[in-house]
Amino acid sequence: MSDDGDVVLYQYQVENEEKKGQVTYSRTHKGFKFLDTIIEESPRMYHNGIGMALFKMAKANDFKKYYVVAMF
């Protein structure tokens, strides 16, 4: 994770070790963006779960260094 004061960068993983990518959250734009296509090849619930976690951290203004989003 990195944080420049506006943009927070996270690495994410879906399903297994080979499916890792990066996602950013912008405080200015109040939105997130995936920087690769890994998420497009995964079930929609992963996209939604990661987005909800980022919005939750943004609302609390508490971006964790490490965060696990459990999918069942």
Protein backbone atom coordinates (compact mmCIF):
# COMPACT_ATOMS: atom_id res chain seq x y z
CA MET A 1 0.00 0.00 0.00
CA SER A 2 1.10 3.54 -0.69
CA ASP A 3 -0.59 6.85 0.05
CA ASP A 4 0.42 10.21 -1.42
CA GLY A 5 -2.23 12.17 0.50
CA ASP A 6 -4.80 11.91 -2.29
CA VAL A 7 -4.37 8.58 -4.06
CA VAL A 8 -4.11 5.36 -2.09
CA LEU A 9 -2.68 2.35 -3.94
CA TYR A 10 -3.43 -1.22 -2.89
CA GLN A 11 -2.47 -4.61 -4.22
CA TYR A 12 -5.39 -7.05 -4.36
CA GLN A 13 -5.65 -10.77 -4.90
CA VAL A 14 -8.62 -12.83 -6.06
CA GLU A 15 -8.97 -16.60 -5.84
CA ASN A 16 -5.24 -17.52 -5.93
CA GLU A 17 -1.66 -16.21 -5.89
CA GLU A 18 -1.55 -15.81 -9.68
CA LYS A 19 -4.47 -13.38 -9.70
CA LYS A 20 -2.99 -10.23 -8.20
CA GLY A 21 -3.51 -6.68 -9.35
CA GLN A 22 -3.54 -3.07 -8.21
CA VAL A 23 -6.38 -0.73 -7.35
CA THR A 24 -6.32 2.96 -6.45
CA TYR A 25 -8.71 5.14 -4.47
CA SER A 26 -8.73 8.91 -5.00
CA ARG A 27 -9.85 11.09 -2.12
CA THR A 28 -10.34 14.03 -4.51
CA HIS A 29 -12.55 12.11 -6.95
CA LYS A 30 -14.08 9.84 -4.28
CA GLY A 31 -13.72 6.85 -6.55
CA PHE A 32 -11.61 3.81 -7.23
CA LYS A 33 -9.96 2.38 -10.32
CA PHE A 34 -8.42 -0.99 -11.08
CA LEU A 35 -5.10 -0.63 -12.89
CA ASP A 36 -5.20 -3.98 -14.67
CA THR A 37 -7.60 -6.53 -16.16
CA ILE A 38 -7.41 -9.21 -13.45
CA ILE A 39 -10.66 -7.99 -11.89
CA GLU A 40 -12.48 -8.16 -15.25
CA GLU A 41 -11.73 -11.89 -15.43
CA SER A 42 -13.17 -12.46 -11.94
CA PRO A 43 -16.74 -12.70 -10.62
CA ARG A 44 -18.41 -9.30 -10.10
CA MET A 45 -18.62 -9.87 -6.33
CA TYR A 46 -14.85 -9.32 -6.08
CA HIS A 47 -15.10 -5.93 -7.77
CA ASN A 48 -17.99 -4.91 -5.52
CA GLY A 49 -16.34 -6.20 -2.33
CA ILE A 50 -13.09 -4.35 -2.96
CA GLY A 51 -14.99 -1.17 -3.83
CA MET A 52 -17.12 -1.35 -0.68
CA ALA A 53 -14.01 -1.86 1.47
CA LEU A 54 -12.32 1.18 -0.09
CA PHE A 55 -15.41 3.37 0.39
CA LYS A 56 -15.73 2.19 4.01
CA MET A 57 -12.10 3.11 4.73
CA ALA A 58 -12.55 6.47 2.95
CA LYS A 59 -15.65 7.32 4.98
CA ALA A 60 -13.74 6.65 8.21
CA ASN A 61 -10.63 8.35 6.77
CA ASP A 62 -8.73 5.28 7.93
CA PHE A 63 -6.89 3.53 5.12
CA LYS A 64 -5.40 0.36 6.56
CA LYS A 65 -1.95 -0.83 5.58
CA TYR A 66 -3.42 -4.31 5.06
CA TYR A 67 -7.09 -5.23 4.67
CA VAL A 68 -8.79 -8.56 3.97
CA VAL A 69 -12.13 -8.71 2.18
CA ALA A 70 -13.57 -12.18 2.73
CA MET A 71 -15.67 -13.67 -0.07
CA PHE A 72 -17.78 -16.76 0.50
